[in-house]
Amino acid sequence: MEENAEVRGKTRGRGREISLFERSLLSAVTNYRPIAQPTPPVVEEDEDFQFFKSLLPTMRQMTKAQRARVRLGVHQLIFEVDQENNV
């Protein structure tokens, strides 16, 4: 009870009044409840996802430059096929 009286009272141990800011801060800290983290979306693992996932072990053995070339090649191939479909 004495602890609550100190928070709600007008003085602290040094005899000065608790400011409105200090009371608000104490109230916020006392009533704090962490916000629940959102659950990550479920990724449906279709055959395309599985295909690209199957490339990971080989790509992890490559150097950074080799991985960059593979990524560039995949992007170029996708772009070319997409352009063929849009003609």
Protein backbone atom coordinates (compact mmCIF):
# COMPACT_ATOMS: atom_id res chain seq x y z
CA MET A 1 0.00 0.00 0.00
CA GLU A 2 2.83 2.35 0.87
CA GLU A 3 4.38 1.79 -2.59
CA ASN A 4 1.17 2.89 -4.36
CA ALA A 5 0.89 5.89 -2.09
CA GLU A 6 4.34 6.99 -3.21
CA VAL A 7 3.39 6.74 -6.90
CA ARG A 8 0.11 8.57 -6.38
CA GLY A 9 1.46 10.97 -3.77
CA LYS A 10 2.94 14.36 -4.36
CA THR A 11 6.40 13.78 -2.89
CA ARG A 12 9.28 11.37 -3.18
CA GLY A 13 12.11 10.56 -0.81
CA ARG A 14 13.76 13.95 -1.41
CA GLY A 15 10.62 15.84 -0.53
CA ARG A 16 9.91 17.29 -3.97
CA GLU A 17 6.68 16.86 -5.88
CA ILE A 18 6.35 14.23 -8.61
CA SER A 19 5.78 15.91 -11.94
CA LEU A 20 2.93 15.05 -14.27
CA PHE A 21 5.49 13.56 -16.66
CA GLU A 22 6.92 11.32 -13.92
CA ARG A 23 3.45 10.14 -12.92
CA SER A 24 2.59 9.41 -16.55
CA LEU A 25 5.85 7.55 -17.04
CA LEU A 26 5.33 5.47 -13.90
CA SER A 27 1.80 4.68 -15.01
CA ALA A 28 2.97 3.61 -18.47
CA VAL A 29 5.70 1.38 -17.06
CA THR A 30 3.35 -0.15 -14.49
CA ASN A 31 0.65 -0.89 -17.08
CA TYR A 32 3.03 -2.06 -19.86
CA ARG A 33 1.91 -5.10 -21.81
CA PRO A 34 4.05 -6.32 -24.73
CA ILE A 35 2.39 -6.34 -28.13
CA ALA A 36 1.96 -9.81 -29.58
CA GLN A 37 4.16 -10.44 -32.61
CA PRO A 38 2.22 -11.22 -35.81
CA THR A 39 2.57 -14.76 -37.06
CA PRO A 40 4.49 -15.03 -40.33
CA PRO A 41 2.41 -15.88 -43.39
CA VAL A 42 2.34 -19.53 -44.41
CA VAL A 43 4.24 -20.06 -47.65
CA GLU A 44 2.69 -22.63 -49.87
CA GLU A 45 5.53 -24.77 -51.15
CA ASP A 46 4.54 -25.52 -54.74
CA GLU A 47 6.73 -27.26 -57.35
CA ASP A 48 8.40 -24.00 -58.43
CA PHE A 49 9.35 -23.19 -54.86
CA GLN A 50 10.71 -26.71 -54.40
CA PHE A 51 12.75 -26.40 -57.62
CA PHE A 52 14.46 -23.18 -56.54
CA LYS A 53 14.95 -24.57 -53.05
CA SER A 54 16.72 -27.60 -54.59
CA LEU A 55 19.32 -25.23 -56.10
CA LEU A 56 20.43 -23.94 -52.69
CA PRO A 57 22.99 -26.63 -51.81
CA THR A 58 24.84 -26.09 -55.10
CA MET A 59 24.64 -22.30 -54.89
CA ARG A 60 25.99 -22.32 -51.34
CA GLN A 61 29.15 -23.99 -52.65
CA MET A 62 29.71 -21.18 -55.16
CA THR A 63 31.66 -18.00 -54.65
CA LYS A 64 29.82 -14.72 -54.31
CA ALA A 65 30.68 -13.83 -57.91
CA GLN A 66 29.41 -17.18 -59.21
CA ARG A 67 26.13 -16.79 -57.30
CA ALA A 68 25.72 -13.31 -58.77
CA ARG A 69 26.20 -14.71 -62.30
CA VAL A 70 23.60 -17.43 -61.67
CA ARG A 71 21.10 -14.90 -60.34
CA LEU A 72 21.70 -12.60 -63.29
CA GLY A 73 21.27 -15.51 -65.70
CA VAL A 74 17.99 -16.55 -64.07
CA HIS A 75 16.70 -12.97 -64.21
CA GLN A 76 17.70 -12.66 -67.88
CA LEU A 77 16.04 -15.95 -68.78
CA ILE A 78 12.82 -14.99 -66.98
CA PHE A 79 12.85 -11.60 -68.73
CA GLU A 80 13.33 -13.22 -72.16
CA VAL A 81 10.53 -15.76 -71.63
CA ASP A 82 8.25 -13.01 -70.31
CA GLN A 83 8.98 -10.87 -73.39
CA GLU A 84 8.17 -13.81 -75.69
CA ASN A 85 4.81 -14.16 -73.98
CA ASN A 86 4.03 -10.46 -74.39
CA VAL A 87 4.64 -10.38 -78.16
